[in-house]
N, C-alpha and C. Protein backbone atom coordinates (compact mmCIF):
# COMPACT_ATOMS: atom_id res chain seq x y z
N UNK A 1 69.30 121.63 73.61
CA UNK A 1 70.51 121.95 73.22
C UNK A 1 71.08 121.58 72.39
N UNK A 2 71.94 122.49 71.73
CA UNK A 2 72.96 121.78 70.48
C UNK A 2 73.86 121.76 70.56
N UNK A 3 74.19 121.03 69.32
CA UNK A 3 75.51 120.77 69.11
C UNK A 3 76.60 121.68 68.67
N UNK A 4 75.49 122.93 68.42
CA UNK A 4 76.50 123.98 67.92
C UNK A 4 75.98 125.47 69.12
N UNK A 5 75.68 125.36 70.25
CA UNK A 5 75.45 125.97 71.80
C UNK A 5 76.89 125.80 71.96
N UNK A 6 77.28 123.93 72.52
CA UNK A 6 78.27 123.63 73.02
C UNK A 6 79.51 124.22 72.35
N UNK A 7 79.40 123.84 70.88
CA UNK A 7 80.72 124.75 70.09
C UNK A 7 80.85 126.21 70.27
N UNK A 8 80.17 126.74 70.32
CA UNK A 8 80.07 128.21 70.94
C UNK A 8 80.61 128.44 72.35
N UNK A 9 80.68 127.52 73.00
CA UNK A 9 81.06 127.79 74.24
C UNK A 9 82.24 127.44 74.60
N UNK A 10 82.63 126.11 73.81
CA UNK A 10 84.30 125.82 73.83
C UNK A 10 85.34 126.85 73.28
N UNK A 11 84.76 127.80 72.13
CA UNK A 11 85.21 128.80 71.61
C UNK A 11 85.40 129.68 72.17
N UNK A 12 84.63 130.14 72.37
CA UNK A 12 84.45 131.61 73.54
C UNK A 12 85.31 131.42 74.63
N UNK A 13 85.42 130.09 75.51
CA UNK A 13 85.85 130.16 77.10
C UNK A 13 87.28 129.35 76.25
N UNK A 14 87.81 129.33 75.31
CA UNK A 14 88.87 128.89 75.35
C UNK A 14 89.32 127.65 75.27
N UNK A 15 88.38 126.86 75.44
CA UNK A 15 88.10 125.35 75.54
C UNK A 15 88.79 124.72 74.19
N UNK A 16 88.51 125.14 73.23
CA UNK A 16 89.12 124.80 72.00
C UNK A 16 89.83 126.12 71.11
N UNK A 17 91.28 125.63 70.96
CA UNK A 17 92.09 126.58 70.40
C UNK A 17 92.66 125.91 69.06
N UNK A 18 92.20 127.41 67.87
CA UNK A 18 92.59 126.86 66.45
C UNK A 18 93.83 127.33 65.88
N UNK A 19 95.08 126.63 65.62
CA UNK A 19 96.06 127.37 65.12
C UNK A 19 96.61 127.08 64.00
N UNK A 20 96.28 127.72 62.72
CA UNK A 20 96.56 126.67 61.52
C UNK A 20 98.12 127.21 61.36
N UNK A 21 98.70 127.99 62.09
CA UNK A 21 100.12 128.22 61.60
C UNK A 21 101.38 127.43 62.41
N UNK A 22 101.09 127.65 63.58
CA UNK A 22 101.75 126.38 64.57
C UNK A 22 101.05 125.25 64.91
N UNK A 23 100.51 124.43 64.36
CA UNK A 23 99.76 123.03 64.81
C UNK A 23 100.59 122.54 66.46
N UNK A 24 99.17 122.43 67.18
CA UNK A 24 99.28 121.43 68.58
C UNK A 24 99.90 120.06 68.18
N UNK A 25 100.88 119.70 69.03
CA UNK A 25 101.03 117.95 68.97
C UNK A 25 100.17 117.35 69.78
N UNK A 26 99.98 116.98 69.76
CA UNK A 26 98.87 115.73 71.12
C UNK A 26 99.63 114.84 71.68
N UNK A 27 98.88 114.25 72.57
CA UNK A 27 99.89 113.24 73.33
C UNK A 27 99.98 111.64 72.26
N UNK A 28 99.22 112.15 71.20
CA UNK A 28 99.17 110.75 70.32
C UNK A 28 100.51 110.72 69.55
N UNK A 29 101.00 112.09 69.42
CA UNK A 29 101.67 112.25 68.42
C UNK A 29 101.35 113.02 67.86
N UNK A 30 99.32 113.40 66.98
CA UNK A 30 99.51 113.90 66.00
C UNK A 30 99.73 115.09 65.95
N UNK A 31 99.68 115.61 64.79
CA UNK A 31 100.09 117.00 64.64
C UNK A 31 98.56 118.12 64.25
N UNK A 32 98.22 119.10 64.91
CA UNK A 32 96.56 119.55 64.38
C UNK A 32 96.88 121.01 64.58
N UNK A 33 95.73 121.44 63.70
CA UNK A 33 95.69 122.97 63.90
C UNK A 33 94.54 123.19 65.25
N UNK A 34 94.02 122.05 65.82
CA UNK A 34 92.93 122.39 66.44
C UNK A 34 93.49 121.70 68.38
N UNK A 35 92.88 121.77 69.35
CA UNK A 35 93.83 121.82 70.86
C UNK A 35 92.40 121.81 71.14
N UNK A 36 92.07 120.91 71.49
CA UNK A 36 90.57 120.22 72.70
C UNK A 36 90.93 120.46 73.90
N UNK A 37 90.63 121.75 74.92
CA UNK A 37 91.35 121.67 76.60
C UNK A 37 90.00 121.97 77.14
N UNK A 38 89.05 120.77 77.67
CA UNK A 38 87.56 120.98 78.22
C UNK A 38 88.02 121.27 79.98
N UNK A 39 88.93 121.05 80.37
CA UNK A 39 89.24 121.17 81.66
C UNK A 39 89.00 123.22 81.82
N UNK A 40 89.43 123.88 80.84
CA UNK A 40 88.93 125.31 80.87
C UNK A 40 87.73 125.57 81.39
N UNK A 41 86.64 124.96 80.83
CA UNK A 41 84.97 124.72 81.42
C UNK A 41 85.04 124.89 82.98
N UNK A 42 86.03 124.13 83.39
CA UNK A 42 85.74 124.33 85.14
C UNK A 42 85.95 125.68 85.88
N UNK A 43 85.76 126.44 85.15
CA UNK A 43 86.67 127.97 85.83
C UNK A 43 85.22 128.51 85.33
N UNK A 44 84.69 128.13 84.36
CA UNK A 44 83.30 129.16 84.37
C UNK A 44 81.32 128.36 84.88
N UNK A 45 81.25 128.44 86.18
CA UNK A 45 80.18 128.06 86.51
C UNK A 45 79.19 127.96 85.11
N UNK A 46 78.66 129.06 84.70
CA UNK A 46 77.37 129.01 83.79
C UNK A 46 77.60 128.50 83.15
N UNK A 47 79.18 128.31 82.07
CA UNK A 47 79.17 127.08 81.10
C UNK A 47 78.98 125.48 81.44
N UNK A 48 79.68 125.52 82.69
CA UNK A 48 79.93 124.07 82.99
C UNK A 48 78.84 123.47 83.54
N UNK A 49 77.62 124.34 83.72
CA UNK A 49 76.48 124.14 84.26
C UNK A 49 75.43 123.49 82.80
N UNK A 50 75.66 124.09 81.74
CA UNK A 50 75.07 123.79 80.47
C UNK A 50 75.72 122.62 80.34
N UNK A 51 76.78 122.36 80.24
CA UNK A 51 77.60 121.00 80.00
C UNK A 51 77.18 120.21 80.78
N UNK A 52 76.65 120.03 82.23
CA UNK A 52 76.17 118.71 82.86
C UNK A 52 75.19 118.66 82.63
N UNK A 53 74.55 119.81 82.17
CA UNK A 53 72.95 119.71 81.90
C UNK A 53 72.47 118.88 80.85
N UNK A 54 73.52 119.26 79.83
CA UNK A 54 73.57 118.39 78.82
C UNK A 54 73.44 117.28 78.46
N UNK A 55 75.00 116.86 79.57
CA UNK A 55 75.40 115.78 79.62
C UNK A 55 74.43 114.82 80.33
N UNK A 56 73.61 115.04 81.24
CA UNK A 56 72.89 114.08 81.76
C UNK A 56 71.87 114.06 81.23
N UNK A 57 71.13 115.08 79.64
CA UNK A 57 70.23 114.78 79.13
C UNK A 57 70.50 113.75 78.31
N UNK A 58 71.69 113.77 77.90
CA UNK A 58 72.33 112.76 76.64
C UNK A 58 72.05 111.33 77.67
N UNK A 59 72.39 111.18 78.43
CA UNK A 59 72.60 109.46 79.10
C UNK A 59 71.39 109.50 79.24
N UNK A 60 70.12 110.43 80.11
CA UNK A 60 68.72 109.85 79.87
C UNK A 60 68.26 109.76 78.72
N UNK A 61 68.84 110.20 77.57
CA UNK A 61 68.32 109.82 76.60
C UNK A 61 68.62 108.38 76.13
N UNK A 62 70.16 108.52 75.85
CA UNK A 62 70.63 107.22 74.95
C UNK A 62 70.99 106.04 75.92
N UNK A 63 71.17 106.11 77.35
CA UNK A 63 71.68 105.46 78.01
C UNK A 63 70.61 104.90 79.38
N UNK A 64 69.50 105.20 79.47
CA UNK A 64 68.45 104.91 80.42
C UNK A 64 68.94 104.37 81.62
N UNK A 65 69.12 103.03 81.15
CA UNK A 65 69.41 101.59 81.69
C UNK A 65 70.72 101.70 82.75
N UNK A 66 71.46 103.05 82.30
CA UNK A 66 72.86 102.95 83.14
C UNK A 66 72.15 103.42 84.88
N UNK A 67 73.01 102.91 85.44
CA UNK A 67 72.95 102.74 87.26
C UNK A 67 73.86 103.93 87.94
N UNK A 68 75.18 103.89 87.56
CA UNK A 68 76.20 104.33 87.73
C UNK A 68 76.91 105.32 86.70
N UNK A 69 77.59 106.36 87.22
CA UNK A 69 78.11 107.01 86.75
C UNK A 69 79.56 107.16 86.51
N UNK A 70 80.75 107.04 85.63
CA UNK A 70 82.07 106.54 85.61
C UNK A 70 82.96 108.23 85.23
N UNK A 71 83.56 108.71 85.80
CA UNK A 71 84.43 109.35 84.89
C UNK A 71 85.87 108.90 84.75
N UNK A 72 86.45 108.92 83.77
CA UNK A 72 87.54 108.99 83.54
C UNK A 72 88.71 109.69 83.92
N UNK A 73 89.78 109.27 84.79
CA UNK A 73 91.00 110.37 84.88
C UNK A 73 91.93 110.82 83.90
N UNK A 74 91.87 112.31 84.01
CA UNK A 74 91.61 112.84 85.62
C UNK A 74 90.25 113.74 84.50
N UNK A 75 90.57 114.08 83.45
CA UNK A 75 89.52 115.42 83.04
C UNK A 75 88.15 115.40 82.80
N UNK A 76 87.97 113.68 82.71
CA UNK A 76 86.44 113.16 83.13
C UNK A 76 85.84 113.43 84.10
N UNK A 77 86.81 113.59 85.37
CA UNK A 77 86.09 113.04 86.77
C UNK A 77 84.99 114.61 87.37
N UNK A 78 85.50 115.44 87.09
CA UNK A 78 84.61 116.92 87.52
C UNK A 78 83.26 116.72 86.99
N UNK A 79 83.22 116.24 85.39
CA UNK A 79 82.13 116.36 84.59
C UNK A 79 81.20 115.16 85.01
N UNK A 80 81.92 114.26 85.69
CA UNK A 80 81.09 112.58 85.76
C UNK A 80 80.33 113.28 87.25
N UNK A 81 81.11 114.13 88.48
CA UNK A 81 80.53 114.27 89.54
C UNK A 81 79.38 115.38 88.94
N UNK A 82 78.97 115.97 88.53
CA UNK A 82 77.94 117.01 87.99
C UNK A 82 77.17 116.45 87.73
N UNK A 83 77.73 115.76 86.65
CA UNK A 83 76.62 114.49 85.68
C UNK A 83 75.74 113.70 86.67
N UNK A 84 76.20 113.06 87.75
CA UNK A 84 75.77 112.23 88.76
C UNK A 84 75.05 112.55 89.64
N UNK A 85 75.09 113.76 90.31
CA UNK A 85 74.54 114.58 91.08
C UNK A 85 73.19 115.61 90.36
N UNK A 86 73.31 115.30 89.75
CA UNK A 86 71.76 115.66 88.66
C UNK A 86 70.96 114.34 88.32
N UNK A 87 71.49 113.51 88.02
CA UNK A 87 70.68 112.32 87.89
C UNK A 87 71.01 111.35 89.38
N UNK A 88 71.01 111.56 90.12
CA UNK A 88 70.98 111.17 91.59
C UNK A 88 71.71 109.97 91.62
N UNK A 89 72.56 109.80 90.70
CA UNK A 89 73.33 107.70 90.57
C UNK A 89 74.75 108.16 91.48
N UNK A 90 74.86 107.11 91.77
CA UNK A 90 75.97 106.75 92.21
C UNK A 90 77.14 107.31 91.20
N UNK A 91 78.64 107.24 91.91
CA UNK A 91 79.85 107.73 90.83
C UNK A 91 81.06 107.11 91.04
N UNK A 92 81.57 106.71 90.06
CA UNK A 92 82.88 106.20 90.17
C UNK A 92 83.98 106.94 89.45
N UNK A 93 85.37 106.69 89.67
CA UNK A 93 86.08 106.64 88.56
C UNK A 93 87.15 105.98 88.34
N UNK A 94 87.70 106.36 87.17
CA UNK A 94 88.80 105.04 86.59
C UNK A 94 90.15 105.51 86.37
N UNK A 95 90.78 104.71 87.08
CA UNK A 95 92.37 105.06 86.60
C UNK A 95 92.73 104.63 85.65
N UNK A 96 94.03 105.03 84.99
CA UNK A 96 94.55 104.61 83.78
C UNK A 96 95.09 103.46 84.12
N UNK A 97 95.48 103.13 85.26
CA UNK A 97 96.19 101.68 86.19
C UNK A 97 95.99 102.02 87.30
N UNK A 98 96.04 100.68 88.03
CA UNK A 98 95.53 100.41 89.05
C UNK A 98 97.08 101.11 90.03
N UNK A 99 96.71 101.63 91.30
CA UNK A 99 97.75 102.37 92.67
C UNK A 99 98.60 101.37 92.55
N UNK A 100 99.65 101.72 93.25
CA UNK A 100 100.57 100.91 93.46
C UNK A 100 100.77 100.63 95.07
N UNK A 101 99.89 101.22 95.52
CA UNK A 101 99.94 101.64 96.98
C UNK A 101 98.70 101.19 97.73
N UNK A 102 98.28 101.58 98.92
CA UNK A 102 96.99 101.33 99.23
C UNK A 102 96.15 99.82 99.39
N UNK A 103 95.04 100.61 98.33
CA UNK A 103 94.01 99.41 98.38
C UNK A 103 94.56 98.62 96.53
N UNK A 104 95.70 99.64 95.95
CA UNK A 104 95.67 98.82 94.14
C UNK A 104 94.69 98.98 93.74
N UNK A 105 93.56 100.15 93.50
CA UNK A 105 92.98 99.28 93.00
C UNK A 105 92.76 100.75 91.49
N UNK A 106 92.32 100.38 90.27
CA UNK A 106 91.99 101.33 89.30
C UNK A 106 90.37 102.06 89.34
N UNK A 107 90.23 101.37 89.80
CA UNK A 107 88.43 101.64 90.06
C UNK A 107 88.03 102.52 91.15
N UNK A 108 87.79 103.68 91.44
CA UNK A 108 88.13 104.37 92.72
C UNK A 108 86.34 104.32 92.92
N UNK A 109 85.60 103.86 94.36
CA UNK A 109 84.42 103.99 94.43
C UNK A 109 83.57 102.47 94.35
N UNK A 110 82.52 102.42 94.78
CA UNK A 110 81.70 100.86 95.01
C UNK A 110 81.26 100.83 93.55
N UNK A 111 81.37 99.68 93.54
CA UNK A 111 80.37 98.99 92.45
C UNK A 111 79.85 97.63 92.83
N UNK A 112 78.46 97.20 92.79
CA UNK A 112 77.80 96.41 92.75
C UNK A 112 78.03 95.23 91.79
N UNK A 113 77.63 94.15 91.89
CA UNK A 113 77.98 93.00 90.72
C UNK A 113 77.19 93.68 89.42
N UNK A 114 75.73 93.48 89.55
CA UNK A 114 74.80 94.00 88.68
C UNK A 114 74.44 95.81 88.10
N UNK A 115 75.67 96.61 88.87
CA UNK A 115 75.78 97.31 88.33
C UNK A 115 75.61 97.52 86.60
N UNK A 116 75.38 99.07 86.12
CA UNK A 116 75.75 99.24 84.72
C UNK A 116 75.70 100.57 84.50
N UNK A 117 77.16 100.87 83.87
CA UNK A 117 78.05 101.91 84.04
C UNK A 117 77.60 102.51 82.47
N UNK A 118 77.91 103.89 82.45
CA UNK A 118 78.15 105.00 81.91
C UNK A 118 79.01 105.54 82.15
N UNK A 119 80.21 105.94 80.69
CA UNK A 119 81.37 106.67 81.02
C UNK A 119 81.28 107.88 80.39
N UNK A 120 81.66 108.84 81.77
CA UNK A 120 82.09 110.01 80.92
C UNK A 120 83.18 110.66 80.62
N UNK A 121 83.31 111.11 79.30
CA UNK A 121 84.86 111.68 78.91
C UNK A 121 84.68 112.79 78.90
N UNK A 122 85.69 113.25 78.72
CA UNK A 122 85.81 115.17 78.34
C UNK A 122 85.88 114.72 76.64
N UNK A 123 86.77 114.20 76.33
CA UNK A 123 87.16 114.60 74.58
C UNK A 123 87.05 113.13 74.21
N UNK A 124 87.11 113.20 72.82
CA UNK A 124 86.98 111.61 72.22
C UNK A 124 87.92 112.38 70.92
N UNK A 125 89.06 111.47 70.80
CA UNK A 125 90.29 111.67 69.30
C UNK A 125 89.79 110.34 68.89
N UNK A 126 91.24 109.57 69.13
CA UNK A 126 91.17 108.32 68.94
C UNK A 126 90.30 107.38 69.38
N UNK A 127 89.93 107.93 70.73
CA UNK A 127 89.39 106.98 71.44
C UNK A 127 89.79 105.90 72.33
N UNK A 128 90.95 105.27 72.24
CA UNK A 128 91.98 104.64 73.24
C UNK A 128 91.86 104.94 74.37
N UNK A 129 91.77 106.13 75.31
CA UNK A 129 92.01 106.13 77.05
C UNK A 129 90.78 105.75 77.29
N UNK A 130 89.66 106.32 76.68
CA UNK A 130 88.15 105.64 77.28
C UNK A 130 87.78 103.99 76.63
N UNK A 131 88.13 103.97 76.10
CA UNK A 131 87.73 102.75 75.74
C UNK A 131 89.05 102.08 76.41
N UNK A 132 90.25 102.22 77.02
CA UNK A 132 90.63 101.53 77.68
C UNK A 132 90.30 101.39 79.49
N UNK A 133 89.81 102.59 80.02
CA UNK A 133 88.94 102.68 80.92
C UNK A 133 87.67 102.06 81.28
N UNK A 134 86.80 101.82 79.57
CA UNK A 134 85.69 100.99 79.61
C UNK A 134 86.58 99.21 79.51
N UNK A 135 87.34 98.80 79.34
CA UNK A 135 88.25 97.62 79.57
C UNK A 135 88.26 97.12 81.03
N UNK A 136 89.18 98.10 81.93
CA UNK A 136 88.83 98.07 83.11
C UNK A 136 87.46 97.70 83.80
N UNK A 137 86.92 98.42 83.77
CA UNK A 137 85.28 98.30 84.41
C UNK A 137 84.60 97.33 83.75
N UNK A 138 84.81 96.39 82.43
CA UNK A 138 84.05 95.75 81.89
C UNK A 138 84.73 94.46 82.67
N UNK A 139 85.69 94.50 83.32
CA UNK A 139 86.03 93.07 84.01
C UNK A 139 85.61 92.92 85.04
N UNK A 140 84.22 93.39 85.64
CA UNK A 140 83.53 92.94 86.58
C UNK A 140 81.93 93.72 86.28
N UNK A 141 81.69 94.57 85.76
CA UNK A 141 80.75 95.13 85.35
C UNK A 141 80.26 95.58 83.60
N UNK A 142 79.12 95.68 83.35
CA UNK A 142 78.59 96.12 82.12
C UNK A 142 78.78 97.90 82.16
N UNK A 143 79.35 98.49 81.03
CA UNK A 143 79.94 99.26 80.20
C UNK A 143 78.76 99.45 79.31
N UNK A 144 77.27 100.39 79.24
CA UNK A 144 76.76 100.46 78.71
C UNK A 144 76.69 101.11 77.47
N UNK A 145 77.61 102.26 77.76
CA UNK A 145 78.23 103.14 76.61
C UNK A 145 79.35 104.40 77.23
N UNK A 146 79.58 105.41 76.13
CA UNK A 146 80.09 106.66 76.57
C UNK A 146 79.57 107.96 76.09
N UNK A 147 79.74 108.84 77.06
CA UNK A 147 79.39 109.90 76.55
C UNK A 147 80.40 111.40 76.67
N UNK A 148 80.78 112.26 75.89
CA UNK A 148 81.75 112.98 75.98
C UNK A 148 80.98 114.56 75.53
N UNK A 149 82.34 115.60 76.23
CA UNK A 149 81.64 116.70 75.58
C UNK A 149 81.71 117.11 73.97
N UNK A 150 83.12 116.81 73.55
CA UNK A 150 83.39 117.09 72.14
C UNK A 150 83.72 115.82 71.38
N UNK A 151 84.14 115.43 70.37
CA UNK A 151 84.62 114.31 69.83
C UNK A 151 85.14 115.12 68.33
N UNK A 152 86.19 114.66 67.69
CA UNK A 152 86.58 115.18 66.48
C UNK A 152 85.96 114.05 65.36
N UNK A 153 85.73 113.01 65.36
CA UNK A 153 84.79 112.36 64.72
C UNK A 153 85.60 111.50 63.67
N UNK A 154 86.74 111.45 64.69
CA UNK A 154 88.03 110.56 64.13
C UNK A 154 87.51 109.05 63.24
N UNK A 155 87.74 108.88 62.17
CA UNK A 155 87.93 107.36 61.69
C UNK A 155 88.00 106.12 62.62
N UNK A 156 89.46 106.58 63.00
CA UNK A 156 89.96 105.63 63.90
C UNK A 156 89.13 105.52 65.25
N UNK A 157 88.49 106.64 66.00
CA UNK A 157 87.63 106.26 66.72
C UNK A 157 86.62 105.84 66.68
N UNK A 158 85.30 105.84 65.26
CA UNK A 158 85.02 104.68 65.15
C UNK A 158 85.18 103.54 64.43
N UNK A 159 85.75 102.91 64.40
CA UNK A 159 86.82 101.96 63.94
C UNK A 159 87.21 100.72 65.48
N UNK A 160 87.59 102.08 66.17
CA UNK A 160 88.30 101.26 67.64
C UNK A 160 86.53 100.95 68.76
N UNK A 161 85.37 101.85 68.63
CA UNK A 161 84.55 101.29 68.92
C UNK A 161 83.53 100.43 68.54
N UNK A 162 83.48 100.62 67.54
CA UNK A 162 82.55 99.15 66.66
C UNK A 162 83.44 98.12 67.06
N UNK A 163 84.86 98.31 66.98
CA UNK A 163 85.60 96.90 67.51
C UNK A 163 85.35 96.29 69.00
N UNK A 164 85.31 97.22 69.60
CA UNK A 164 84.80 97.00 70.97
C UNK A 164 83.37 96.63 71.32
N UNK A 165 82.61 96.52 70.57
CA UNK A 165 81.47 96.31 70.65
C UNK A 165 80.60 97.86 71.87
N UNK A 166 80.89 98.63 71.49
CA UNK A 166 80.74 100.13 72.02
C UNK A 166 80.26 101.20 71.36
N UNK A 167 79.29 101.73 72.03
CA UNK A 167 78.57 103.30 71.28
C UNK A 167 79.15 104.29 72.33
N UNK A 168 78.92 105.31 71.41
CA UNK A 168 79.23 106.79 71.98
C UNK A 168 78.57 107.99 71.95
N UNK A 169 78.12 108.80 72.25
CA UNK A 169 77.75 110.13 72.04
C UNK A 169 78.24 111.49 72.62
N UNK A 170 78.56 112.38 71.75
CA UNK A 170 79.05 113.69 72.11
C UNK A 170 78.13 114.58 72.01
N UNK A 171 78.38 115.46 73.15
CA UNK A 171 77.55 116.74 73.05
C UNK A 171 78.19 117.93 71.52
N UNK A 172 79.21 117.85 71.18
CA UNK A 172 79.18 118.62 70.03
C UNK A 172 80.92 118.02 69.01
N UNK A 173 80.96 118.37 67.86
CA UNK A 173 81.69 117.50 67.12
C UNK A 173 82.14 118.48 66.47
N UNK A 174 83.29 118.00 65.42
CA UNK A 174 84.17 118.93 64.88
C UNK A 174 83.47 119.37 63.42
N UNK A 175 82.16 119.28 63.24
CA UNK A 175 82.24 119.69 61.98
C UNK A 175 80.83 120.96 62.46
N UNK A 176 79.99 120.82 63.46
CA UNK A 176 79.55 121.66 64.25
C UNK A 176 80.76 123.04 64.53
N UNK A 177 82.08 122.77 65.55
CA UNK A 177 82.54 123.71 65.62
C UNK A 177 83.32 124.81 64.18
N UNK A 178 83.44 123.57 63.27
CA UNK A 178 83.64 124.24 61.75
C UNK A 178 82.95 125.27 61.02
N UNK A 179 81.63 125.08 61.45
CA UNK A 179 80.52 126.00 61.18
C UNK A 179 80.69 127.32 62.26
N UNK A 180 80.62 126.83 63.54
CA UNK A 180 80.56 128.22 64.37
C UNK A 180 81.55 129.07 64.49
N UNK A 181 82.45 128.08 64.06
CA UNK A 181 84.10 129.20 64.14
C UNK A 181 84.03 129.88 62.92
N UNK A 182 83.43 129.64 61.46
CA UNK A 182 83.16 130.44 60.33
C UNK A 182 82.19 131.52 60.25
N UNK A 183 81.29 130.89 61.16
CA UNK A 183 80.08 132.15 61.26
C UNK A 183 80.75 133.04 62.32
N UNK A 184 81.29 132.76 63.14
CA UNK A 184 81.48 134.04 64.64
C UNK A 184 82.79 134.54 64.12
N UNK A 185 83.73 134.29 62.92
CA UNK A 185 84.30 134.71 62.56
C UNK A 185 86.20 134.21 63.57
N UNK A 186 85.72 133.29 64.18
CA UNK A 186 87.03 132.54 64.77
C UNK A 186 88.15 131.99 63.52
N UNK A 187 87.56 131.42 62.21
CA UNK A 187 87.94 131.25 61.40
C UNK A 187 87.39 132.02 59.89
N UNK A 188 88.88 132.23 58.83
CA UNK A 188 88.02 132.93 57.80
C UNK A 188 87.86 131.96 56.57
N UNK A 189 87.27 132.36 55.70
CA UNK A 189 86.92 131.03 54.52
C UNK A 189 88.25 130.28 54.00
N UNK A 190 89.47 131.18 54.10
CA UNK A 190 90.58 130.70 53.71
C UNK A 190 91.21 129.15 54.49
N UNK A 191 90.79 129.66 55.89
CA UNK A 191 91.23 129.26 57.15
C UNK A 191 90.68 127.39 57.13
N UNK A 192 89.17 127.41 57.05
CA UNK A 192 88.25 127.01 57.23
C UNK A 192 88.59 125.99 55.62
N UNK A 193 89.18 126.21 54.48
CA UNK A 193 89.53 124.93 53.87
C UNK A 193 90.64 124.35 53.88
N UNK A 194 91.56 125.15 54.85
CA UNK A 194 92.55 124.49 55.29
C UNK A 194 92.67 123.57 56.09
N UNK A 195 91.71 123.73 57.45
CA UNK A 195 91.24 123.06 58.37
C UNK A 195 90.33 121.67 57.63
N UNK A 196 89.51 122.00 57.08
CA UNK A 196 88.91 121.19 56.02
C UNK A 196 90.16 119.93 55.55
N UNK A 197 91.18 120.82 55.17
CA UNK A 197 92.31 119.73 54.32
C UNK A 197 93.08 118.57 54.95
N UNK A 198 93.33 119.35 56.19
CA UNK A 198 93.89 118.54 57.45
C UNK A 198 92.88 117.70 57.65
N UNK A 199 91.69 117.64 58.11
CA UNK A 199 90.29 116.90 58.48
C UNK A 199 90.16 115.62 57.58
N UNK A 200 90.91 115.81 56.28
CA UNK A 200 90.50 114.93 55.47
C UNK A 200 91.13 113.71 55.47
N UNK A 201 92.32 113.90 56.23
CA UNK A 201 93.32 112.72 56.94
C UNK A 201 92.91 112.12 57.98
N UNK A 202 91.65 112.07 58.33
CA UNK A 202 91.48 111.36 59.51
C UNK A 202 89.62 110.86 59.25
N UNK A 203 89.03 111.71 58.49
CA UNK A 203 87.57 111.40 58.28
C UNK A 203 87.51 109.20 57.59
């Protein structure tokens, strides 16, 4: 499974949208010509199976000691569920904050004290949300690392993961996406240049 195959899926199923005329505004406030919404993959069984298989393989290779799969709320939850089934491992999911009612938990599901957790995220931009989830799990258990479907490979994310002494691995990234977008006509030569000019601000 290559990064470019995943990039092709994301583009074809409009999980990634490109617009150099009217930038998208991310939750972080960043104005960007690219918007990644991997929730679109949920609607395509064949493609979501390819993604789940690839994430499971990535965990087997990079984090073989993981014995619990954790999804980040909310977009990482379905992918974590499919991956945990393939690996035959327990699954939990991590809320952004503890509920204010019921058991008032930030982590849903059961963890043993010696469990080692791998986090499944759909997308890594700045890395903040998944590292916040890792911090919650780390209060009681070891987080061995993070896997995601796509990463922008921003310098800010690399720095934040380094500061947290955490590693992450993604199925695809912005460089593969640009290559496939140009190859298959999603972007022309001029648009690629404009895209790369924007990306320089975050490398």
